[in-house]
Protein backbone atom coordinates (compact mmCIF):
# COMPACT_ATOMS: atom_id res chain seq x y z
CA MET A 1 38.01 -1.60 63.55
CA PRO A 2 34.86 0.46 62.94
CA SER A 3 31.75 -0.26 64.97
CA PRO A 4 28.97 -1.78 62.85
CA LEU A 5 26.70 0.97 64.23
CA PHE A 6 29.06 3.76 63.10
CA ASP A 7 30.90 2.41 60.07
CA LEU A 8 32.29 5.16 57.86
CA THR A 9 34.52 2.93 55.76
CA GLY A 10 35.25 4.58 52.44
CA LYS A 11 33.79 7.94 53.45
CA VAL A 12 35.80 11.16 53.14
CA ALA A 13 35.56 13.63 56.02
CA VAL A 14 36.95 17.17 56.24
CA ILE A 15 37.24 18.61 59.75
CA THR A 16 38.29 22.23 60.11
CA GLY A 17 40.21 23.23 63.21
CA SER A 18 41.23 19.61 63.69
CA SER A 19 44.84 20.01 64.77
CA LYS A 20 43.84 20.12 68.46
CA GLY A 21 40.96 20.02 70.92
CA ILE A 22 37.45 19.07 69.87
CA GLY A 23 38.33 19.03 66.17
CA LYS A 24 41.19 16.61 66.71
CA ALA A 25 38.93 14.34 68.77
CA ILE A 26 36.29 14.42 66.02
CA ALA A 27 38.92 13.61 63.38
CA MET A 28 40.26 10.72 65.48
CA HIS A 29 36.78 9.27 66.03
CA LEU A 30 35.80 9.51 62.38
CA ALA A 31 39.12 8.00 61.26
CA LEU A 32 38.80 5.11 63.71
CA SER A 33 35.27 4.61 62.36
CA GLY A 34 36.78 4.02 58.92
CA ALA A 35 36.66 7.47 57.29
CA LYS A 36 39.55 9.00 55.40
CA VAL A 37 39.90 12.28 57.29
CA VAL A 38 41.40 15.59 56.28
CA VAL A 39 43.09 17.31 59.20
CA SER A 40 42.95 21.04 58.60
CA SER A 41 43.88 24.23 60.41
CA ARG A 42 46.09 27.24 59.66
CA LYS A 43 49.39 25.68 60.75
CA ALA A 44 50.71 22.69 58.80
CA PRO A 45 53.12 21.42 61.51
CA VAL A 46 50.38 20.95 64.12
CA CYS A 47 48.15 19.37 61.48
CA GLU A 48 50.95 16.91 60.71
CA GLU A 49 51.28 16.06 64.42
CA ALA A 50 47.54 15.39 64.72
CA ALA A 51 47.53 13.32 61.53
CA ALA A 52 50.48 11.28 62.80
CA GLU A 53 48.54 10.49 66.00
CA ILE A 54 45.54 9.39 63.96
CA ARG A 55 47.70 7.17 61.74
CA LYS A 56 49.46 5.68 64.77
CA ALA A 57 46.03 4.77 66.18
CA GLY A 58 45.18 3.00 62.92
CA GLY A 59 43.24 5.67 61.06
CA HIS A 60 43.73 7.34 57.68
CA ALA A 61 44.63 11.04 57.81
CA THR A 62 45.63 13.55 55.15
CA VAL A 63 46.76 17.10 55.91
CA ILE A 64 45.45 20.07 53.93
CA PRO A 65 46.16 23.32 55.79
CA CYS A 66 43.55 26.07 55.46
CA ASN A 67 43.02 29.49 56.95
CA ILE A 68 39.24 29.56 56.83
CA SER A 69 39.15 33.34 56.95
CA ASP A 70 40.41 33.24 53.34
CA LYS A 71 37.78 32.32 50.70
CA ALA A 72 40.34 31.01 48.19
CA GLN A 73 41.81 28.67 50.82
CA CYS A 74 38.30 27.43 51.70
CA GLU A 75 37.62 26.60 48.06
CA ASN A 76 41.05 24.99 47.76
CA LEU A 77 40.39 22.79 50.81
CA ILE A 78 37.37 21.21 49.14
CA ALA A 79 39.03 21.02 45.71
CA GLN A 80 42.22 19.42 47.06
CA THR A 81 40.24 16.95 49.16
CA ARG A 82 38.27 15.87 46.11
CA LYS A 83 41.46 15.61 44.04
CA GLN A 84 43.38 13.59 46.64
CA LEU A 85 40.64 11.47 48.26
CA GLY A 86 37.46 11.80 46.21
CA PRO A 87 34.16 13.55 46.90
CA VAL A 88 33.58 14.85 50.41
CA ASP A 89 30.96 12.88 52.32
CA ILE A 90 31.23 14.74 55.64
CA LEU A 91 32.18 18.35 56.33
CA CYS A 92 32.57 19.30 59.97
CA ASN A 93 32.92 23.07 60.36
CA ASN A 94 34.62 23.02 63.73
CA ALA A 95 37.26 25.77 63.55
CA GLY A 96 36.44 28.73 65.71
CA VAL A 97 37.80 31.57 67.78
CA THR A 98 36.39 33.62 70.61
CA GLY A 99 37.00 37.05 72.01
CA TYR A 100 36.15 38.05 75.52
CA THR A 101 34.69 41.53 75.13
CA SER A 102 31.39 43.21 75.84
CA VAL A 103 29.28 45.00 73.25
CA ALA A 104 30.75 48.34 74.35
CA ASP A 105 34.35 47.09 74.20
CA THR A 106 34.27 45.10 70.95
CA VAL A 107 36.46 46.79 68.35
CA GLU A 108 35.86 46.44 64.63
CA GLU A 109 39.02 44.41 63.93
CA ASN A 110 38.10 41.85 66.60
CA TRP A 111 34.49 41.64 65.37
CA ASP A 112 35.63 41.15 61.77
CA TRP A 113 38.19 38.46 62.68
CA ILE A 114 35.68 36.43 64.73
CA GLN A 115 33.06 36.74 61.96
CA ALA A 116 35.60 35.65 59.34
CA VAL A 117 36.67 32.52 61.21
CA ASN A 118 33.41 31.45 62.86
CA LEU A 119 30.85 32.33 60.19
CA THR A 120 32.23 33.50 56.86
CA GLY A 121 34.79 30.68 56.56
CA PRO A 122 32.28 27.90 57.28
CA PHE A 123 29.90 29.53 54.80
CA PHE A 124 32.52 29.58 52.02
CA ILE A 125 33.67 26.02 52.68
CA THR A 126 30.07 24.84 52.65
CA GLN A 127 29.38 26.87 49.51
CA ALA A 128 32.29 25.10 47.80
CA LEU A 129 30.65 21.81 48.77
CA VAL A 130 27.15 22.63 47.45
CA PRO A 131 27.51 20.57 44.24
CA GLN A 132 28.27 17.52 46.39
CA LEU A 133 25.31 18.04 48.74
CA THR A 134 22.96 16.55 46.19
CA GLU A 135 25.26 13.52 46.10
CA GLY A 136 24.56 12.90 49.79
CA ALA A 137 27.30 14.87 51.54
CA GLY A 138 26.55 15.98 55.09
CA VAL A 139 27.52 19.23 56.79
CA VAL A 140 27.98 19.82 60.52
CA PHE A 141 28.37 23.26 62.06
CA VAL A 142 29.80 23.29 65.57
CA SER A 143 27.89 25.92 67.49
CA SER A 144 27.70 26.78 71.18
CA ILE A 145 25.22 27.20 74.00
CA THR A 146 26.04 30.93 73.76
CA ALA A 147 24.03 30.97 70.53
CA GLU A 148 20.88 30.76 72.64
CA ARG A 149 21.95 31.78 76.12
CA ALA A 150 23.59 35.15 76.72
CA ARG A 151 26.96 35.28 78.44
CA SER A 152 28.77 38.47 79.18
CA LEU A 153 31.95 39.08 77.21
CA HIS A 154 31.00 36.76 74.31
CA THR A 155 29.33 39.31 72.03
CA ALA A 156 30.94 38.58 68.65
CA TYR A 157 31.38 34.87 69.36
CA ALA A 158 27.72 34.43 70.36
CA ALA A 159 26.54 36.31 67.28
CA THR A 160 28.50 33.98 64.99
CA LYS A 161 27.31 30.83 66.71
CA ALA A 162 23.67 31.96 66.53
CA ALA A 163 24.16 32.74 62.85
CA LEU A 164 25.44 29.20 62.27
CA LEU A 165 22.10 27.90 63.57
CA GLY A 166 20.32 30.03 60.99
CA LEU A 167 22.70 28.89 58.27
CA THR A 168 21.98 25.28 59.21
CA LYS A 169 18.23 25.84 58.82
CA HIS A 170 18.74 27.45 55.42
CA LEU A 171 21.02 24.65 54.28
CA GLU A 172 18.36 22.09 55.23
CA GLU A 173 15.91 23.93 52.97
CA LEU A 174 18.45 24.10 50.14
CA VAL A 175 19.02 20.35 50.21
CA VAL A 176 15.28 19.62 50.35
CA ILE A 177 14.56 21.98 47.44
CA GLN A 178 17.22 20.47 45.19
């Protein structure tokens, strides 16, 4: 039963990286608050396990796998959600990866992979949602304290999380302008 202070009944929420960890906890909370949630990550079997847990707890969960480093899959995630559940009300860009290397030791392939998952994917998913932003959809980017506070061995990860803060500020302007 949703709390009257946090009632999301009838809302549609997409949470990337929601097959485990923080994303799964977010999906569970939103579902138990009444939202119809989309559990999404690269691997369908673990998404199905997370969705089953949400359903067992009394929530509504649909699985739409997505590798957010692939633009077409990002666009498909939003399109399939709209087709199956209706317009997206909440997008939580939670999926992320890290790599523990210094500036000197970061190789191009590692840099590109972390950028693709942590920054480019959330950008493309959000871009696919832009038409719905004027209808009142909300977007959350999960960042990190490393965006503002340096930590050794988090070079690429920290860069992506800081960029998400900038993207958030730009998105606020976009919504205000429209």
